[in-house]
N, C-alpha and C. Protein backbone atom coordinates (compact mmCIF):
# COMPACT_ATOMS: atom_id res chain seq x y z
N MET A 1 -29.26 79.00 -178.43
CA MET A 1 -28.91 78.50 -179.75
C MET A 1 -30.04 78.83 -180.71
N LYS A 2 -29.68 79.35 -181.85
CA LYS A 2 -30.72 79.61 -182.82
C LYS A 2 -30.41 78.85 -184.11
N PHE A 3 -31.44 78.56 -184.84
CA PHE A 3 -31.33 77.79 -186.08
C PHE A 3 -30.93 78.76 -187.18
N ASN A 4 -29.81 78.51 -187.84
CA ASN A 4 -29.37 79.43 -188.87
C ASN A 4 -29.42 78.79 -190.26
N ASN A 5 -29.05 79.56 -191.26
CA ASN A 5 -29.12 79.07 -192.65
C ASN A 5 -28.18 77.91 -192.91
N LYS A 6 -27.04 77.88 -192.24
CA LYS A 6 -26.10 76.78 -192.44
C LYS A 6 -26.73 75.47 -191.97
N ALA A 7 -27.45 75.50 -190.88
CA ALA A 7 -28.15 74.30 -190.39
C ALA A 7 -29.19 73.85 -191.40
N ALA A 8 -29.91 74.79 -191.99
CA ALA A 8 -30.92 74.43 -193.00
C ALA A 8 -30.24 73.83 -194.23
N GLU A 9 -29.09 74.36 -194.60
CA GLU A 9 -28.35 73.82 -195.75
C GLU A 9 -27.88 72.39 -195.48
N ILE A 10 -27.37 72.15 -194.31
CA ILE A 10 -26.91 70.81 -193.95
C ILE A 10 -28.10 69.84 -193.93
N TRP A 11 -29.21 70.27 -193.34
CA TRP A 11 -30.38 69.41 -193.28
C TRP A 11 -30.87 69.08 -194.68
N ALA A 12 -30.87 70.06 -195.58
CA ALA A 12 -31.33 69.82 -196.95
C ALA A 12 -30.46 68.78 -197.64
N LYS A 13 -29.15 68.83 -197.41
CA LYS A 13 -28.25 67.85 -198.01
C LYS A 13 -28.53 66.45 -197.45
N TRP A 14 -28.67 66.33 -196.15
CA TRP A 14 -28.96 65.04 -195.53
C TRP A 14 -30.33 64.54 -195.98
N PHE A 15 -31.29 65.43 -196.07
CA PHE A 15 -32.64 65.06 -196.49
C PHE A 15 -32.63 64.50 -197.91
N ALA A 16 -31.99 65.21 -198.83
CA ALA A 16 -31.91 64.75 -200.22
C ALA A 16 -31.22 63.39 -200.31
N GLY A 17 -30.14 63.24 -199.58
CA GLY A 17 -29.43 61.95 -199.58
C GLY A 17 -30.29 60.82 -199.04
N ASN A 18 -31.02 61.09 -197.98
CA ASN A 18 -31.88 60.06 -197.39
C ASN A 18 -33.07 59.73 -198.28
N VAL A 19 -33.62 60.71 -198.99
CA VAL A 19 -34.72 60.42 -199.91
C VAL A 19 -34.24 59.51 -201.02
N ILE A 20 -33.09 59.83 -201.60
CA ILE A 20 -32.54 59.00 -202.67
C ILE A 20 -32.24 57.60 -202.15
N THR A 21 -31.65 57.52 -200.97
CA THR A 21 -31.34 56.22 -200.37
C THR A 21 -32.60 55.40 -200.13
N ALA A 22 -33.65 56.04 -199.62
CA ALA A 22 -34.90 55.32 -199.35
C ALA A 22 -35.49 54.75 -200.63
N VAL A 23 -35.49 55.52 -201.69
CA VAL A 23 -36.06 55.04 -202.96
C VAL A 23 -35.23 53.89 -203.51
N VAL A 24 -33.90 54.02 -203.44
CA VAL A 24 -33.03 52.97 -203.97
C VAL A 24 -33.16 51.69 -203.15
N VAL A 25 -33.20 51.80 -201.85
CA VAL A 25 -33.29 50.62 -200.99
C VAL A 25 -34.63 49.91 -201.18
N ILE A 26 -35.70 50.67 -201.27
CA ILE A 26 -37.02 50.05 -201.47
C ILE A 26 -37.10 49.43 -202.86
N GLY A 27 -36.46 50.03 -203.83
CA GLY A 27 -36.35 49.44 -205.15
C GLY A 27 -37.55 49.64 -206.06
N LYS A 28 -38.37 50.62 -205.75
CA LYS A 28 -39.54 50.92 -206.58
C LYS A 28 -39.61 52.42 -206.81
N SER A 29 -40.40 52.78 -207.79
CA SER A 29 -40.70 54.19 -207.99
C SER A 29 -41.64 54.64 -206.87
N PRO A 30 -41.52 55.88 -206.40
CA PRO A 30 -42.45 56.34 -205.36
C PRO A 30 -43.93 56.23 -205.78
N ILE A 31 -44.19 56.23 -207.06
CA ILE A 31 -45.57 56.08 -207.54
C ILE A 31 -46.10 54.68 -207.19
N ASP A 32 -45.20 53.69 -207.16
CA ASP A 32 -45.60 52.31 -206.90
C ASP A 32 -45.50 51.91 -205.43
N PHE A 33 -45.18 52.84 -204.55
CA PHE A 33 -45.03 52.51 -203.12
C PHE A 33 -46.36 52.06 -202.53
N THR A 34 -46.29 51.06 -201.64
CA THR A 34 -47.44 50.65 -200.86
C THR A 34 -47.40 51.44 -199.55
N GLY A 35 -48.39 51.24 -198.71
CA GLY A 35 -48.40 51.92 -197.41
C GLY A 35 -47.19 51.55 -196.57
N SER A 36 -46.81 50.29 -196.61
CA SER A 36 -45.64 49.84 -195.87
C SER A 36 -44.35 50.49 -196.40
N ASP A 37 -44.27 50.63 -197.72
CA ASP A 37 -43.10 51.28 -198.32
C ASP A 37 -42.99 52.73 -197.88
N TRP A 38 -44.13 53.42 -197.84
CA TRP A 38 -44.13 54.81 -197.39
C TRP A 38 -43.70 54.92 -195.92
N HIS A 39 -44.10 53.95 -195.13
CA HIS A 39 -43.71 53.92 -193.72
C HIS A 39 -42.19 53.78 -193.60
N HIS A 40 -41.61 52.87 -194.36
CA HIS A 40 -40.16 52.69 -194.33
C HIS A 40 -39.43 53.93 -194.87
N ALA A 41 -39.97 54.52 -195.91
CA ALA A 41 -39.35 55.73 -196.46
C ALA A 41 -39.42 56.87 -195.45
N ALA A 42 -40.53 57.01 -194.76
CA ALA A 42 -40.67 58.08 -193.76
C ALA A 42 -39.69 57.87 -192.61
N ASN A 43 -39.48 56.63 -192.19
CA ASN A 43 -38.51 56.35 -191.13
C ASN A 43 -37.11 56.71 -191.58
N THR A 44 -36.80 56.45 -192.83
CA THR A 44 -35.47 56.80 -193.35
C THR A 44 -35.31 58.31 -193.45
N ILE A 45 -36.34 58.98 -193.92
CA ILE A 45 -36.24 60.41 -194.17
C ILE A 45 -36.16 61.22 -192.87
N TRP A 46 -36.91 60.83 -191.83
CA TRP A 46 -36.86 61.63 -190.60
C TRP A 46 -35.49 61.54 -189.96
N LEU A 47 -34.73 60.49 -190.26
CA LEU A 47 -33.38 60.38 -189.71
C LEU A 47 -32.44 61.46 -190.25
N ALA A 48 -32.83 62.15 -191.31
CA ALA A 48 -32.02 63.23 -191.86
C ALA A 48 -31.83 64.36 -190.85
N VAL A 49 -32.73 64.48 -189.91
CA VAL A 49 -32.63 65.58 -188.96
C VAL A 49 -31.65 65.28 -187.82
N VAL A 50 -31.33 64.01 -187.58
CA VAL A 50 -30.49 63.64 -186.45
C VAL A 50 -29.09 64.26 -186.50
N PRO A 51 -28.33 64.15 -187.60
CA PRO A 51 -27.00 64.77 -187.60
C PRO A 51 -27.05 66.29 -187.47
N VAL A 52 -28.09 66.90 -188.00
CA VAL A 52 -28.22 68.35 -187.89
C VAL A 52 -28.49 68.75 -186.45
N LEU A 53 -29.35 68.00 -185.75
CA LEU A 53 -29.62 68.30 -184.35
C LEU A 53 -28.39 68.11 -183.48
N ILE A 54 -27.61 67.09 -183.80
CA ILE A 54 -26.38 66.86 -183.04
C ILE A 54 -25.42 68.04 -183.23
N ALA A 55 -25.26 68.48 -184.47
CA ALA A 55 -24.38 69.62 -184.73
C ALA A 55 -24.94 70.90 -184.12
N TRP A 56 -26.24 71.07 -184.18
CA TRP A 56 -26.88 72.28 -183.66
C TRP A 56 -26.77 72.34 -182.14
N ALA A 57 -26.82 71.18 -181.48
CA ALA A 57 -26.75 71.14 -180.03
C ALA A 57 -25.36 71.43 -179.50
N ASN A 58 -24.35 71.34 -180.35
CA ASN A 58 -22.98 71.62 -179.95
C ASN A 58 -22.64 73.05 -180.35
N PRO A 59 -22.62 73.98 -179.40
CA PRO A 59 -22.41 75.40 -179.75
C PRO A 59 -21.02 75.69 -180.31
N LYS A 60 -20.04 74.82 -180.07
CA LYS A 60 -18.70 75.05 -180.60
C LYS A 60 -18.54 74.53 -182.02
N HIS A 61 -19.54 73.86 -182.51
CA HIS A 61 -19.47 73.26 -183.84
C HIS A 61 -19.78 74.33 -184.89
N ASP A 62 -19.06 74.33 -186.00
CA ASP A 62 -19.29 75.35 -187.03
C ASP A 62 -20.12 74.83 -188.20
N PHE A 63 -20.80 73.73 -188.02
CA PHE A 63 -21.72 73.15 -189.01
C PHE A 63 -21.03 72.67 -190.28
N THR A 64 -19.75 72.40 -190.23
CA THR A 64 -19.09 71.90 -191.44
C THR A 64 -19.14 70.38 -191.49
N MET A 65 -19.25 69.72 -190.35
CA MET A 65 -19.27 68.27 -190.25
C MET A 65 -18.07 67.65 -190.93
N THR A 66 -16.93 68.29 -190.80
CA THR A 66 -15.69 67.75 -191.33
C THR A 66 -14.64 67.78 -190.24
N VAL A 67 -13.57 67.04 -190.45
CA VAL A 67 -12.48 67.02 -189.50
C VAL A 67 -11.57 68.21 -189.77
N LYS A 68 -11.28 68.95 -188.74
CA LYS A 68 -10.41 70.12 -188.90
C LYS A 68 -8.96 69.67 -188.87
N LYS A 69 -8.13 70.31 -189.69
CA LYS A 69 -6.71 69.99 -189.74
C LYS A 69 -5.91 71.04 -189.02
């Protein structure tokens, strides 16, 4: 299995979504984050890789992450 551009595109989408979610959930500007806030944000952001790894590990998956009709 090799990492292709579609996997990078999916990861970027999940990463952007998780960054926005982390900032909204913490409720502060990243400039005002404390060390603990950064820790929580990092835990949220690294989770962006999980769905991509699951899709990447399944060789029959076409990286669309949608239900086929």
